[in-house]
Amino acid sequence: MLKPIHLLACSFAFAILLSGTPQARAQDRTPSKVPITTTVTVLGPKFTTPPPITKDDISVYSGKTRWDVLDWSPAQGEKGSLQLAIVIDNSASQTAVGTQLNDVAAFIRLQPRSTAVGVFYAVDGTVQAASNFSTNHNAVAKTLRMPLGLRAGDSPSIYLSVSELVKRHWPETRGRREILLISNGVDRLERGPESPYVQAAIEDVQKAGVTVHTIYTGTSLRFGESFRGQYAQQNLEEITSGSGGEAFFEGLITPVSFAPYLRQLDMVLHNQYLLTFAVPRSNKKNGELRQIQVRAEQRNVQLKYPKQVPVPGPAN
């Protein structure tokens, strides 16, 4: 019979041997988990105030895998910080947009002090800042101007401008980052469905954690070209749904007024939560975008969130 000291030595040796087995080595390679935070909009039917939602009401999945919810906080008070970029397609019709500027200005002035607003114009595949982000809403509203309308070579793709804004003209900051894109959605570099520029813009806003809302301004199409308007509107719907935003449109025509849409957008911005959950790190060096599904226990509530979130690669 082994004495206790001999038994302890054998156990230690067995542990060393076990640590070298394939199963143990596989466990060592298991990616560590990291917290991911994203913005979720919660609304009742027809843009009404939702019932109270708690952390216990929310679950997060990737496929059939359920992730641990770490935090679920209303985007209010100390966590209410928001940078809102209003991006106007410079090639948009002056008739479609110019008459709506008073509504946009009123919307800007009504924003809370926790919201910094910037006004940008999409020009030649990039953006020009009429006003950088500021909480002086009255001053920002005064920088709105008429779009110039379509000119040769102007705004080849509004989606290039969106990518340019989030990648090069928007410094990283804590809190929510969102875009109100006012455009007819036409991609002049690829007028058909499945534009690579639209898909690239969707990935860019997902990687940057930016939510995009859109107002469709309508297009001037000749008879028999309505399908091009449908493609343009579909582009706007794809970038909004991919980022967790709202798409506002009135068929294929120019809206009579932006005011109803802006009131609905205001309801959206006041009913958002910051969701934090834990996921395993990506095995890819530069990380990856990972699909998620967010579910709530309550019925009659609508959740909007990005279809994919950025997950970092292995820890150094």
Protein backbone atom coordinates (compact mmCIF):
# COMPACT_ATOMS: atom_id res chain seq x y z
CA MET A 1 0.00 0.00 0.00
CA LEU A 2 1.35 3.45 -1.00
CA LYS A 3 2.11 5.90 1.77
CA PRO A 4 0.37 9.33 1.56
CA ILE A 5 3.55 11.08 0.43
CA HIS A 6 4.01 8.52 -2.35
CA LEU A 7 0.37 8.89 -3.36
CA LEU A 8 0.79 12.67 -3.59
CA ALA A 9 3.86 12.28 -5.77
CA CYS A 10 2.02 9.92 -8.11
CA SER A 11 -0.89 12.34 -8.37
CA PHE A 12 1.48 15.17 -9.25
CA ALA A 13 3.21 13.07 -11.90
CA PHE A 14 -0.18 12.09 -13.36
CA ALA A 15 -1.19 15.75 -13.53
CA ILE A 16 1.98 16.58 -15.44
CA LEU A 17 1.33 13.70 -17.82
CA LEU A 18 -2.30 14.77 -18.31
CA SER A 19 -1.28 18.35 -19.10
CA GLY A 20 0.51 17.08 -22.15
CA THR A 21 -2.47 15.23 -23.57
CA PRO A 22 -4.26 16.51 -26.70
CA GLN A 23 -7.37 17.31 -24.63
CA ALA A 24 -5.42 19.54 -22.24
CA ARG A 25 -3.61 21.29 -25.07
CA ALA A 26 -6.97 21.92 -26.76
CA GLN A 27 -8.28 23.51 -23.57
CA ASP A 28 -5.23 25.78 -23.47
CA ARG A 29 -6.12 26.98 -26.97
CA THR A 30 -9.72 27.79 -26.06
CA PRO A 31 -10.21 31.50 -26.92
CA SER A 32 -10.72 33.76 -23.94
CA LYS A 33 -13.97 35.70 -23.79
CA VAL A 34 -14.24 39.44 -24.30
CA PRO A 35 -17.09 41.87 -23.59
CA ILE A 36 -18.84 43.31 -26.63
CA THR A 37 -21.12 46.34 -26.36
CA THR A 38 -23.68 47.27 -29.00
CA THR A 39 -26.73 49.52 -29.31
CA VAL A 40 -30.22 48.02 -29.31
CA THR A 41 -33.42 49.96 -30.05
CA VAL A 42 -36.57 48.77 -28.27
CA LEU A 43 -39.97 50.05 -29.44
CA GLY A 44 -43.61 49.22 -29.06
CA PRO A 45 -45.95 48.88 -32.06
CA LYS A 46 -45.91 51.82 -34.50
CA PHE A 47 -43.07 53.68 -32.78
CA THR A 48 -44.69 53.75 -29.34
CA THR A 49 -42.96 53.64 -25.96
CA PRO A 50 -42.10 50.02 -25.06
CA PRO A 51 -42.72 48.35 -21.70
CA PRO A 52 -39.77 48.23 -19.27
CA ILE A 53 -37.12 45.73 -20.38
CA THR A 54 -34.64 44.27 -17.87
CA LYS A 55 -31.41 42.37 -18.27
CA ASP A 56 -33.21 39.11 -17.42
CA ASP A 57 -35.57 39.67 -20.37
CA ILE A 58 -32.75 39.72 -22.92
CA SER A 59 -30.82 36.85 -24.50
CA VAL A 60 -28.09 36.92 -27.15
CA TYR A 61 -27.32 34.13 -29.62
CA SER A 62 -24.91 33.39 -32.42
CA GLY A 63 -26.54 30.54 -34.26
CA LYS A 64 -27.57 28.08 -31.54
CA THR A 65 -24.94 29.30 -29.07
CA ARG A 66 -26.19 31.53 -26.29
CA TRP A 67 -23.83 34.16 -24.91
CA ASP A 68 -23.79 35.55 -21.37
CA VAL A 69 -25.44 38.97 -21.04
CA LEU A 70 -23.20 41.11 -18.81
CA ASP A 71 -25.08 44.40 -18.83
CA TRP A 72 -28.26 45.98 -20.20
CA SER A 73 -28.48 49.71 -19.53
CA PRO A 74 -30.75 52.44 -20.92
CA ALA A 75 -28.82 54.91 -23.07
CA GLN A 76 -29.78 57.75 -20.75
CA GLY A 77 -28.20 59.92 -18.10
CA GLU A 78 -24.50 59.17 -17.72
CA LYS A 79 -24.80 56.59 -20.51
CA GLY A 80 -26.82 58.82 -22.84
CA SER A 81 -23.87 60.22 -24.83
CA LEU A 82 -24.56 60.26 -28.58
CA GLN A 83 -22.77 61.60 -31.65
CA LEU A 84 -25.29 62.03 -34.46
CA ALA A 85 -24.02 62.71 -37.98
CA ILE A 86 -26.56 64.12 -40.41
CA VAL A 87 -25.31 63.21 -43.88
CA ILE A 88 -27.03 64.86 -46.86
CA ASP A 89 -26.43 63.60 -50.37
CA ASN A 90 -25.10 66.66 -52.17
CA SER A 91 -26.51 65.33 -55.46
CA ALA A 92 -30.04 65.08 -54.04
CA SER A 93 -32.78 67.07 -55.70
CA GLN A 94 -33.11 70.60 -54.32
CA THR A 95 -36.87 70.20 -54.64
CA ALA A 96 -36.81 66.95 -52.62
CA VAL A 97 -34.53 68.12 -49.82
CA GLY A 98 -34.33 71.91 -49.89
CA THR A 99 -37.91 72.40 -48.74
CA GLN A 100 -37.32 70.01 -45.80
CA LEU A 101 -34.40 71.83 -44.22
CA ASN A 102 -36.58 73.69 -41.71
CA ASP A 103 -37.81 70.33 -40.37
CA VAL A 104 -34.23 69.04 -40.11
CA ALA A 105 -33.12 72.23 -38.34
CA ALA A 106 -35.97 71.93 -35.84
CA PHE A 107 -35.00 68.31 -35.18
CA ILE A 108 -31.40 69.33 -34.47
CA ARG A 109 -32.45 72.07 -32.04
CA LEU A 110 -34.63 69.63 -30.08
CA GLN A 111 -31.77 67.24 -29.29
CA PRO A 112 -30.67 66.93 -25.64
CA ARG A 113 -27.36 68.31 -24.39
CA SER A 114 -25.96 64.79 -24.29
CA THR A 115 -26.19 64.66 -28.10
CA ALA A 116 -23.46 66.18 -30.27
CA VAL A 117 -24.69 66.77 -33.83
CA GLY A 118 -22.59 67.18 -36.98
CA VAL A 119 -23.73 68.10 -40.49
CA PHE A 120 -21.95 66.58 -43.49
CA TYR A 121 -22.50 66.66 -47.26
CA ALA A 122 -21.62 63.66 -49.43
CA VAL A 123 -19.52 64.91 -52.33
CA ASP A 124 -17.41 62.97 -54.84
CA GLY A 125 -17.32 59.80 -52.75
CA THR A 126 -16.19 61.60 -49.60
CA VAL A 127 -17.77 64.00 -47.09
CA GLN A 128 -17.48 67.72 -46.44
CA ALA A 129 -18.23 68.93 -42.93
CA ALA A 130 -20.59 71.89 -42.74
CA SER A 131 -20.40 71.54 -38.95
CA ASN A 132 -18.27 69.23 -36.85
CA PHE A 133 -19.90 67.52 -33.87
CA SER A 134 -21.15 70.07 -31.36
CA THR A 135 -23.74 70.37 -28.61
CA ASN A 136 -24.44 73.96 -29.73
CA HIS A 137 -27.46 72.77 -31.65
CA ASN A 138 -28.62 76.19 -32.75
CA ALA A 139 -25.25 76.90 -34.37
CA VAL A 140 -25.21 73.46 -36.04
CA ALA A 141 -28.72 73.96 -37.45
CA LYS A 142 -27.62 77.19 -39.10
CA THR A 143 -25.01 75.34 -41.19
CA LEU A 144 -27.65 73.44 -43.17
CA ARG A 145 -27.74 74.44 -46.83
CA MET A 146 -29.42 73.37 -50.04
CA PRO A 147 -27.81 70.39 -51.81
CA LEU A 148 -26.30 71.33 -55.16
CA GLY A 149 -28.22 68.74 -57.17
CA LEU A 150 -26.79 66.24 -59.64
CA ARG A 151 -23.72 67.39 -61.52
CA ALA A 152 -21.37 65.47 -63.75
CA GLY A 153 -19.00 63.45 -61.61
CA ASP A 154 -20.68 64.39 -58.32
CA SER A 155 -21.33 61.73 -55.63
CA PRO A 156 -20.57 58.60 -57.68
CA SER A 157 -21.73 56.51 -54.74
CA ILE A 158 -23.28 57.76 -51.52
CA TYR A 159 -22.00 54.54 -49.92
CA LEU A 160 -18.37 55.52 -50.57
CA SER A 161 -19.12 58.68 -48.60
CA VAL A 162 -20.54 56.70 -45.69
CA SER A 163 -17.43 54.51 -45.59
CA GLU A 164 -15.20 57.56 -45.78
CA LEU A 165 -17.00 59.21 -42.86
CA VAL A 166 -16.78 56.29 -40.44
CA LYS A 167 -13.23 55.27 -41.39
CA ARG A 168 -11.44 58.61 -41.71
CA HIS A 169 -13.51 61.53 -40.45
CA TRP A 170 -15.05 60.22 -37.25
CA PRO A 171 -12.74 59.93 -34.23
CA GLU A 172 -13.40 57.05 -31.87
CA THR A 173 -15.40 58.00 -28.82
CA ARG A 174 -17.32 56.33 -26.03
CA GLY A 175 -21.08 56.25 -26.33
CA ARG A 176 -23.41 55.82 -29.26
CA ARG A 177 -22.49 56.84 -32.81
CA GLU A 178 -25.30 57.14 -35.35
CA ILE A 179 -25.96 58.54 -38.82
CA LEU A 180 -29.07 60.06 -40.36
CA LEU A 181 -28.50 59.60 -44.10
CA ILE A 182 -30.74 61.72 -46.36
CA SER A 183 -30.43 60.38 -49.90
CA ASN A 184 -32.20 58.77 -52.84
CA GLY A 185 -29.95 55.76 -52.31
CA VAL A 186 -28.79 55.60 -55.94
CA ASP A 187 -25.35 54.04 -56.36
CA ARG A 188 -24.10 55.44 -59.66
CA LEU A 189 -21.15 53.07 -59.70
CA GLU A 190 -23.44 50.01 -59.54
CA ARG A 191 -27.11 50.68 -60.30
CA GLY A 192 -28.17 47.05 -60.07
CA PRO A 193 -28.79 44.89 -57.02
CA GLU A 194 -25.99 43.64 -54.69
CA SER A 195 -23.66 46.59 -55.09
CA PRO A 196 -20.19 45.87 -53.66
CA TYR A 197 -20.02 49.47 -52.44
CA VAL A 198 -23.18 49.01 -50.39
CA GLN A 199 -21.83 45.80 -48.88
CA ALA A 200 -18.50 47.47 -48.08
CA ALA A 201 -20.30 50.36 -46.36
CA ILE A 202 -22.35 47.91 -44.29
CA GLU A 203 -19.20 46.16 -43.08
CA ASP A 204 -17.50 49.49 -42.35
CA VAL A 205 -20.34 50.78 -40.15
CA GLN A 206 -20.59 47.41 -38.38
CA LYS A 207 -16.86 47.42 -37.62
CA ALA A 208 -17.11 51.00 -36.36
CA GLY A 209 -20.21 50.25 -34.26
CA VAL A 210 -22.23 52.94 -36.08
CA THR A 211 -26.02 52.76 -36.48
CA VAL A 212 -27.41 54.17 -39.75
CA HIS A 213 -30.91 55.59 -40.20
CA THR A 214 -32.06 56.68 -43.65
CA ILE A 215 -34.68 58.95 -45.20
CA TYR A 216 -35.40 58.10 -48.82
CA THR A 217 -35.84 61.27 -50.86
CA GLY A 218 -37.23 59.74 -54.05
CA THR A 219 -35.70 59.76 -57.51
CA SER A 220 -36.42 61.39 -60.84
CA LEU A 221 -36.87 58.33 -63.04
CA ARG A 222 -38.14 58.04 -66.58
CA PHE A 223 -41.09 55.80 -67.36
CA GLY A 224 -40.12 52.13 -67.07
CA GLU A 225 -37.19 52.79 -64.69
CA SER A 226 -39.02 52.19 -61.41
CA PHE A 227 -36.90 49.09 -60.81
CA ARG A 228 -33.85 51.35 -60.43
CA GLY A 229 -35.68 53.25 -57.73
CA GLN A 230 -36.45 49.95 -56.04
CA TYR A 231 -32.77 48.98 -56.13
CA ALA A 232 -31.84 52.36 -54.63
CA GLN A 233 -34.39 52.00 -51.85
CA GLN A 234 -33.23 48.43 -51.25
CA ASN A 235 -29.69 49.76 -50.80
CA LEU A 236 -30.85 52.07 -48.04
CA GLU A 237 -32.84 49.31 -46.36
CA GLU A 238 -29.82 47.00 -46.39
CA ILE A 239 -27.51 49.47 -44.68
CA THR A 240 -30.12 50.32 -42.05
CA SER A 241 -31.05 46.73 -41.23
CA GLY A 242 -27.39 45.67 -41.26
CA SER A 243 -26.48 48.35 -38.71
CA GLY A 244 -29.62 48.22 -36.57
CA GLY A 245 -31.16 51.47 -37.82
CA GLU A 246 -34.52 52.58 -39.19
CA ALA A 247 -35.37 53.19 -42.86
CA PHE A 248 -37.99 55.86 -43.54
CA PHE A 249 -39.68 56.03 -46.94
CA GLU A 250 -43.00 56.67 -48.64
CA GLY A 251 -43.10 54.27 -51.58
CA LEU A 252 -40.87 55.43 -54.42
CA ILE A 253 -41.94 59.07 -54.20
CA THR A 254 -40.46 62.06 -52.41
CA PRO A 255 -42.01 62.44 -48.94
CA VAL A 256 -44.34 65.40 -48.53
CA SER A 257 -42.65 66.17 -45.22
CA PHE A 258 -39.71 64.82 -43.22
CA ALA A 259 -41.34 65.90 -39.95
CA PRO A 260 -43.22 62.62 -39.22
CA TYR A 261 -40.05 60.61 -39.88
CA LEU A 262 -37.97 62.87 -37.64
CA ARG A 263 -40.48 62.47 -34.80
CA GLN A 264 -40.20 58.70 -35.19
CA LEU A 265 -36.40 58.92 -35.22
CA ASP A 266 -36.54 60.98 -32.04
CA MET A 267 -38.58 58.17 -30.44
CA VAL A 268 -35.90 55.70 -31.59
CA LEU A 269 -33.05 57.70 -30.06
CA HIS A 270 -34.89 57.96 -26.73
CA ASN A 271 -35.55 54.20 -26.49
CA GLN A 272 -32.11 52.68 -26.94
CA TYR A 273 -30.12 50.39 -24.66
CA LEU A 274 -26.44 49.53 -24.39
CA LEU A 275 -26.14 45.74 -24.46
CA THR A 276 -22.91 44.11 -23.26
CA PHE A 277 -22.32 40.37 -23.66
CA ALA A 278 -19.34 38.01 -23.55
CA VAL A 279 -18.09 36.09 -26.60
CA PRO A 280 -14.93 34.07 -27.34
CA ARG A 281 -12.19 35.96 -29.14
CA SER A 282 -11.79 35.35 -32.84
CA ASN A 283 -9.01 33.00 -33.95
CA LYS A 284 -8.23 35.43 -36.78
CA LYS A 285 -5.33 37.80 -36.21
CA ASN A 286 -7.32 40.93 -37.09
CA GLY A 287 -10.59 39.74 -35.61
CA GLU A 288 -13.84 39.31 -37.52
CA LEU A 289 -17.49 40.28 -37.77
CA ARG A 290 -19.76 37.79 -36.04
CA GLN A 291 -23.52 37.44 -36.50
CA ILE A 292 -25.79 37.86 -33.50
CA GLN A 293 -29.48 37.56 -32.66
CA VAL A 294 -30.98 39.47 -29.75
CA ARG A 295 -34.27 38.27 -28.27
CA ALA A 296 -36.66 39.65 -25.65
CA GLU A 297 -39.11 37.75 -23.48
CA GLN A 298 -41.87 40.33 -23.92
CA ARG A 299 -44.27 40.22 -26.82
CA ASN A 300 -45.26 43.21 -28.92
CA VAL A 301 -41.81 44.78 -28.75
CA GLN A 302 -39.56 45.44 -31.70
CA LEU A 303 -35.79 45.09 -31.38
CA LYS A 304 -33.34 46.69 -33.80
CA TYR A 305 -29.64 45.86 -33.55
CA PRO A 306 -26.69 45.28 -35.91
CA LYS A 307 -26.69 41.92 -37.69
CA GLN A 308 -22.95 41.58 -37.06
CA VAL A 309 -20.60 42.91 -34.39
CA PRO A 310 -16.79 43.17 -34.43
CA VAL A 311 -14.99 40.55 -32.32
CA PRO A 312 -11.25 41.09 -31.64
CA GLY A 313 -8.59 38.52 -32.43
CA PRO A 314 -6.29 36.64 -30.02
CA ALA A 315 -4.92 38.58 -27.07
CA ASN A 316 -1.26 39.54 -27.37
